[in-house]
Amino acid sequence: MESEEKLQIVQDAMEELKAVDVQVLHVTDQTTVTDYMVVCSGTSNIHIRAIVDRVIERMKEHDVKGVRREGYNEARWVLLDFGDVVAHVFDPEDRQFYGLEEFWKKSEPLVVA
């Protein structure tokens, strides 16, 4: 599956569960680790876990396997690694504190319709 297809699945899953302020960063030129980073916030620990669960569920429906998941139990910053697409689901305070979008600011925010 192409990176852009994975990206769309992740975005759609986040939007289904009303993730807050979904941002997509195209980081291919800045790192060899991944092509895209998707950053969003949830409104509570329960909401964060629900977003993460939906993303994983949708990816499995499309036969994307091998996801690495970190931070699920605390649900303040959950990282989902699908190789060429990495998703970060944050508590709003932690998102502001860590400032991933600022760190990767050389990346152009990508608008995907």
N, C-alpha and C. Protein backbone atom coordinates (compact mmCIF):
# COMPACT_ATOMS: atom_id res chain seq x y z
N MET A 1 0.84 -1.18 0.00
CA MET A 1 0.00 0.00 0.00
C MET A 1 0.89 1.24 0.00
N GLU A 2 0.51 2.23 -0.78
CA GLU A 2 1.27 3.47 -0.87
C GLU A 2 1.11 4.32 0.39
N SER A 3 2.10 5.14 0.65
CA SER A 3 2.09 6.03 1.82
C SER A 3 0.84 6.89 1.84
N GLU A 4 0.48 7.44 0.68
CA GLU A 4 -0.66 8.35 0.61
C GLU A 4 -1.97 7.64 0.97
N GLU A 5 -2.08 6.36 0.62
CA GLU A 5 -3.28 5.59 0.98
C GLU A 5 -3.35 5.39 2.50
N LYS A 6 -2.22 5.04 3.10
CA LYS A 6 -2.18 4.90 4.56
C LYS A 6 -2.53 6.22 5.23
N LEU A 7 -1.96 7.29 4.71
CA LEU A 7 -2.23 8.61 5.26
C LEU A 7 -3.71 8.91 5.24
N GLN A 8 -4.37 8.63 4.14
CA GLN A 8 -5.80 8.91 4.03
C GLN A 8 -6.62 8.08 5.01
N ILE A 9 -6.24 6.83 5.20
CA ILE A 9 -6.95 5.97 6.16
C ILE A 9 -6.80 6.54 7.57
N VAL A 10 -5.59 6.93 7.94
CA VAL A 10 -5.35 7.50 9.27
C VAL A 10 -6.17 8.77 9.45
N GLN A 11 -6.11 9.66 8.48
CA GLN A 11 -6.87 10.91 8.57
C GLN A 11 -8.36 10.66 8.69
N ASP A 12 -8.88 9.78 7.85
CA ASP A 12 -10.32 9.50 7.88
C ASP A 12 -10.74 8.93 9.23
N ALA A 13 -9.94 8.03 9.77
CA ALA A 13 -10.26 7.43 11.07
C ALA A 13 -10.27 8.50 12.17
N MET A 14 -9.30 9.39 12.13
CA MET A 14 -9.25 10.47 13.13
C MET A 14 -10.46 11.38 13.01
N GLU A 15 -10.82 11.71 11.80
CA GLU A 15 -11.96 12.59 11.58
C GLU A 15 -13.28 11.92 11.98
N GLU A 16 -13.39 10.60 11.77
CA GLU A 16 -14.59 9.87 12.18
C GLU A 16 -14.87 10.06 13.66
N LEU A 17 -13.81 10.09 14.46
CA LEU A 17 -13.98 10.21 15.90
C LEU A 17 -13.73 11.62 16.41
N LYS A 18 -13.82 12.58 15.51
CA LYS A 18 -13.75 14.00 15.87
C LYS A 18 -12.47 14.38 16.59
N ALA A 19 -11.34 13.87 16.09
CA ALA A 19 -10.05 14.30 16.62
C ALA A 19 -9.92 15.80 16.40
N VAL A 20 -9.23 16.46 17.31
CA VAL A 20 -9.11 17.91 17.29
C VAL A 20 -7.83 18.32 16.55
N ASP A 21 -7.97 19.29 15.66
CA ASP A 21 -6.83 19.94 14.98
C ASP A 21 -5.88 18.92 14.36
N VAL A 22 -6.38 18.15 13.41
CA VAL A 22 -5.57 17.17 12.71
C VAL A 22 -4.62 17.90 11.76
N GLN A 23 -3.33 17.66 11.92
CA GLN A 23 -2.30 18.27 11.08
C GLN A 23 -1.47 17.16 10.43
N VAL A 24 -1.20 17.31 9.15
CA VAL A 24 -0.39 16.35 8.42
C VAL A 24 0.90 17.06 8.00
N LEU A 25 2.03 16.45 8.33
CA LEU A 25 3.32 16.99 7.95
C LEU A 25 4.02 16.03 7.00
N HIS A 26 4.46 16.53 5.88
CA HIS A 26 5.20 15.75 4.91
C HIS A 26 6.68 15.93 5.24
N VAL A 27 7.32 14.91 5.78
CA VAL A 27 8.67 15.05 6.32
C VAL A 27 9.72 14.24 5.55
N THR A 28 9.37 13.80 4.36
CA THR A 28 10.28 12.96 3.56
C THR A 28 11.66 13.60 3.39
N ASP A 29 11.69 14.90 3.17
CA ASP A 29 12.97 15.58 2.92
C ASP A 29 13.76 15.84 4.20
N GLN A 30 13.16 15.61 5.37
CA GLN A 30 13.82 15.91 6.63
C GLN A 30 14.27 14.69 7.40
N THR A 31 13.72 13.52 7.07
CA THR A 31 14.07 12.32 7.82
C THR A 31 13.90 11.09 6.95
N THR A 32 14.66 10.06 7.26
CA THR A 32 14.51 8.79 6.55
C THR A 32 13.60 7.84 7.32
N VAL A 33 13.13 8.28 8.47
CA VAL A 33 12.33 7.43 9.35
C VAL A 33 10.91 7.24 8.82
N THR A 34 10.32 8.29 8.25
CA THR A 34 8.94 8.21 7.80
C THR A 34 8.70 9.25 6.71
N ASP A 35 7.59 9.12 6.02
CA ASP A 35 7.21 10.09 4.99
C ASP A 35 6.25 11.14 5.53
N TYR A 36 5.30 10.69 6.35
CA TYR A 36 4.26 11.58 6.87
C TYR A 36 4.11 11.42 8.37
N MET A 37 3.85 12.55 9.04
CA MET A 37 3.45 12.54 10.44
C MET A 37 2.07 13.18 10.52
N VAL A 38 1.19 12.51 11.23
CA VAL A 38 -0.15 13.04 11.45
C VAL A 38 -0.25 13.32 12.94
N VAL A 39 -0.61 14.55 13.29
CA VAL A 39 -0.69 14.97 14.68
C VAL A 39 -2.11 15.44 14.94
N CYS A 40 -2.67 14.98 16.06
CA CYS A 40 -4.00 15.45 16.45
C CYS A 40 -4.11 15.41 17.97
N SER A 41 -5.21 15.94 18.47
CA SER A 41 -5.49 15.92 19.91
C SER A 41 -6.81 15.22 20.15
N GLY A 42 -6.93 14.66 21.35
CA GLY A 42 -8.19 14.15 21.85
C GLY A 42 -8.62 15.00 23.03
N THR A 43 -9.86 14.90 23.40
CA THR A 43 -10.38 15.75 24.47
C THR A 43 -10.27 15.13 25.85
N SER A 44 -9.94 13.85 25.91
CA SER A 44 -9.79 13.14 27.19
C SER A 44 -8.99 11.87 26.92
N ASN A 45 -8.59 11.19 27.98
CA ASN A 45 -7.86 9.92 27.82
C ASN A 45 -8.73 8.90 27.08
N ILE A 46 -10.01 8.88 27.39
CA ILE A 46 -10.93 7.95 26.73
C ILE A 46 -11.02 8.28 25.24
N HIS A 47 -11.13 9.56 24.92
CA HIS A 47 -11.22 9.98 23.53
C HIS A 47 -9.92 9.64 22.78
N ILE A 48 -8.79 9.87 23.41
CA ILE A 48 -7.49 9.54 22.79
C ILE A 48 -7.42 8.06 22.47
N ARG A 49 -7.78 7.21 23.42
CA ARG A 49 -7.76 5.76 23.18
C ARG A 49 -8.73 5.37 22.08
N ALA A 50 -9.89 5.99 22.05
CA ALA A 50 -10.88 5.69 21.01
C ALA A 50 -10.35 6.05 19.62
N ILE A 51 -9.69 7.18 19.52
CA ILE A 51 -9.09 7.59 18.23
C ILE A 51 -8.04 6.56 17.81
N VAL A 52 -7.17 6.20 18.73
CA VAL A 52 -6.11 5.23 18.45
C VAL A 52 -6.72 3.89 18.02
N ASP A 53 -7.72 3.44 18.77
CA ASP A 53 -8.37 2.16 18.43
C ASP A 53 -8.99 2.21 17.04
N ARG A 54 -9.61 3.34 16.69
CA ARG A 54 -10.24 3.45 15.36
C ARG A 54 -9.19 3.44 14.25
N VAL A 55 -8.08 4.14 14.46
CA VAL A 55 -7.02 4.15 13.45
C VAL A 55 -6.51 2.73 13.23
N ILE A 56 -6.22 2.02 14.31
CA ILE A 56 -5.72 0.65 14.20
C ILE A 56 -6.76 -0.25 13.52
N GLU A 57 -8.02 -0.11 13.91
CA GLU A 57 -9.09 -0.91 13.33
C GLU A 57 -9.18 -0.68 11.81
N ARG A 58 -9.15 0.57 11.39
CA ARG A 58 -9.25 0.90 9.96
C ARG A 58 -8.03 0.38 9.18
N MET A 59 -6.86 0.48 9.78
CA MET A 59 -5.67 -0.01 9.10
C MET A 59 -5.74 -1.54 8.95
N LYS A 60 -6.20 -2.24 9.98
CA LYS A 60 -6.34 -3.70 9.89
C LYS A 60 -7.35 -4.07 8.81
N GLU A 61 -8.42 -3.28 8.67
CA GLU A 61 -9.41 -3.54 7.62
C GLU A 61 -8.79 -3.46 6.22
N HIS A 62 -7.71 -2.69 6.10
CA HIS A 62 -7.01 -2.55 4.84
C HIS A 62 -5.73 -3.40 4.80
N ASP A 63 -5.66 -4.39 5.68
CA ASP A 63 -4.55 -5.34 5.74
C ASP A 63 -3.20 -4.71 6.02
N VAL A 64 -3.19 -3.58 6.72
CA VAL A 64 -1.93 -2.98 7.16
C VAL A 64 -1.62 -3.57 8.53
N LYS A 65 -0.51 -4.27 8.60
CA LYS A 65 -0.13 -4.96 9.83
C LYS A 65 1.19 -4.40 10.35
N GLY A 66 1.57 -4.83 11.52
CA GLY A 66 2.87 -4.47 12.06
C GLY A 66 2.93 -3.11 12.71
N VAL A 67 1.81 -2.65 13.19
CA VAL A 67 1.79 -1.34 13.86
C VAL A 67 2.56 -1.43 15.18
N ARG A 68 3.33 -0.40 15.46
CA ARG A 68 3.94 -0.24 16.78
C ARG A 68 3.15 0.84 17.49
N ARG A 69 2.82 0.58 18.74
CA ARG A 69 2.01 1.51 19.53
C ARG A 69 2.72 1.78 20.84
N GLU A 70 2.86 3.05 21.16
CA GLU A 70 3.50 3.46 22.42
C GLU A 70 2.61 4.47 23.14
N GLY A 71 2.52 4.37 24.47
CA GLY A 71 1.83 5.36 25.27
C GLY A 71 0.34 5.15 25.46
N TYR A 72 -0.18 4.02 25.03
CA TYR A 72 -1.62 3.78 25.07
C TYR A 72 -2.18 3.77 26.49
N ASN A 73 -1.49 3.17 27.43
CA ASN A 73 -2.02 3.06 28.79
C ASN A 73 -2.20 4.42 29.46
N GLU A 74 -1.22 5.30 29.27
CA GLU A 74 -1.32 6.64 29.86
C GLU A 74 -2.25 7.54 29.06
N ALA A 75 -2.29 7.33 27.75
CA ALA A 75 -3.16 8.05 26.81
C ALA A 75 -3.00 9.57 26.93
N ARG A 76 -1.76 10.02 27.02
CA ARG A 76 -1.48 11.46 26.99
C ARG A 76 -0.76 11.81 25.69
N TRP A 77 0.07 10.87 25.20
CA TRP A 77 0.70 10.99 23.90
C TRP A 77 0.86 9.57 23.38
N VAL A 78 0.03 9.21 22.43
CA VAL A 78 0.10 7.87 21.86
C VAL A 78 0.71 7.98 20.47
N LEU A 79 1.71 7.16 20.23
CA LEU A 79 2.38 7.12 18.93
C LEU A 79 2.01 5.82 18.23
N LEU A 80 1.59 5.95 16.99
CA LEU A 80 1.30 4.79 16.14
C LEU A 80 2.27 4.83 14.96
N ASP A 81 3.05 3.79 14.80
CA ASP A 81 4.07 3.76 13.75
C ASP A 81 3.68 2.72 12.70
N PHE A 82 3.34 3.22 11.52
CA PHE A 82 3.02 2.35 10.39
C PHE A 82 4.13 2.40 9.34
N GLY A 83 5.33 2.73 9.77
CA GLY A 83 6.47 2.80 8.86
C GLY A 83 6.51 4.15 8.16
N ASP A 84 5.91 4.23 7.00
CA ASP A 84 5.96 5.46 6.23
C ASP A 84 4.95 6.50 6.68
N VAL A 85 4.08 6.14 7.61
CA VAL A 85 3.13 7.08 8.24
C VAL A 85 3.19 6.87 9.74
N VAL A 86 3.41 7.95 10.48
CA VAL A 86 3.44 7.91 11.94
C VAL A 86 2.37 8.85 12.45
N ALA A 87 1.54 8.37 13.37
CA ALA A 87 0.48 9.18 13.93
C ALA A 87 0.77 9.46 15.40
N HIS A 88 0.51 10.69 15.81
CA HIS A 88 0.66 11.12 17.19
C HIS A 88 -0.69 11.63 17.66
N VAL A 89 -1.23 11.03 18.72
CA VAL A 89 -2.50 11.47 19.29
C VAL A 89 -2.21 11.98 20.69
N PHE A 90 -2.45 13.27 20.89
CA PHE A 90 -2.03 13.96 22.10
C PHE A 90 -3.19 14.42 22.98
N ASP A 91 -2.90 14.51 24.26
CA ASP A 91 -3.64 15.35 25.18
C ASP A 91 -3.27 16.79 24.80
N PRO A 92 -4.21 17.74 24.77
CA PRO A 92 -3.88 19.10 24.32
C PRO A 92 -2.71 19.76 25.06
N GLU A 93 -2.61 19.55 26.37
CA GLU A 93 -1.51 20.17 27.12
C GLU A 93 -0.16 19.58 26.71
N ASP A 94 -0.11 18.27 26.55
CA ASP A 94 1.14 17.63 26.14
C ASP A 94 1.50 18.01 24.71
N ARG A 95 0.51 18.14 23.86
CA ARG A 95 0.78 18.56 22.49
C ARG A 95 1.44 19.94 22.46
N GLN A 96 0.90 20.84 23.25
CA GLN A 96 1.48 22.18 23.31
C GLN A 96 2.89 22.14 23.91
N PHE A 97 3.07 21.36 24.96
CA PHE A 97 4.38 21.27 25.63
C PHE A 97 5.46 20.73 24.70
N TYR A 98 5.17 19.63 23.99
CA TYR A 98 6.18 19.00 23.15
C TYR A 98 6.34 19.69 21.80
N GLY A 99 5.32 20.34 21.32
CA GLY A 99 5.42 21.15 20.11
C GLY A 99 6.00 20.46 18.88
N LEU A 100 5.49 19.28 18.57
CA LEU A 100 6.01 18.56 17.40
C LEU A 100 5.88 19.36 16.11
N GLU A 101 4.77 20.04 15.95
CA GLU A 101 4.59 20.82 14.72
C GLU A 101 5.67 21.90 14.61
N GLU A 102 6.03 22.51 15.72
CA GLU A 102 7.07 23.52 15.72
C GLU A 102 8.43 22.89 15.42
N PHE A 103 8.68 21.73 16.01
CA PHE A 103 9.94 21.02 15.78
C PHE A 103 10.13 20.70 14.30
N TRP A 104 9.05 20.28 13.66
CA TRP A 104 9.09 19.92 12.24
C TRP A 104 8.61 21.06 11.36
N LYS A 105 8.76 22.30 11.82
CA LYS A 105 8.18 23.45 11.12
C LYS A 105 8.70 23.64 9.71
N LYS A 106 9.84 23.10 9.38
CA LYS A 106 10.32 23.18 8.00
C LYS A 106 9.41 22.40 7.07
N SER A 107 8.64 21.49 7.65
CA SER A 107 7.71 20.71 6.85
C SER A 107 6.50 21.56 6.53
N GLU A 108 6.10 21.51 5.31
CA GLU A 108 4.89 22.21 4.90
C GLU A 108 3.68 21.43 5.40
N PRO A 109 2.76 22.09 6.12
CA PRO A 109 1.52 21.37 6.44
C PRO A 109 0.85 20.95 5.15
N LEU A 110 0.39 19.73 5.11
CA LEU A 110 -0.20 19.18 3.91
C LEU A 110 -1.70 19.19 4.04
N VAL A 111 -2.36 19.75 3.08
CA VAL A 111 -3.81 19.76 3.06
C VAL A 111 -4.25 18.65 2.14
N VAL A 112 -4.91 17.64 2.71
CA VAL A 112 -5.39 16.52 1.92
C VAL A 112 -6.91 16.57 1.94
N ALA A 113 -7.48 16.64 0.78
CA ALA A 113 -8.95 16.72 0.67
C ALA A 113 -9.58 15.37 0.72
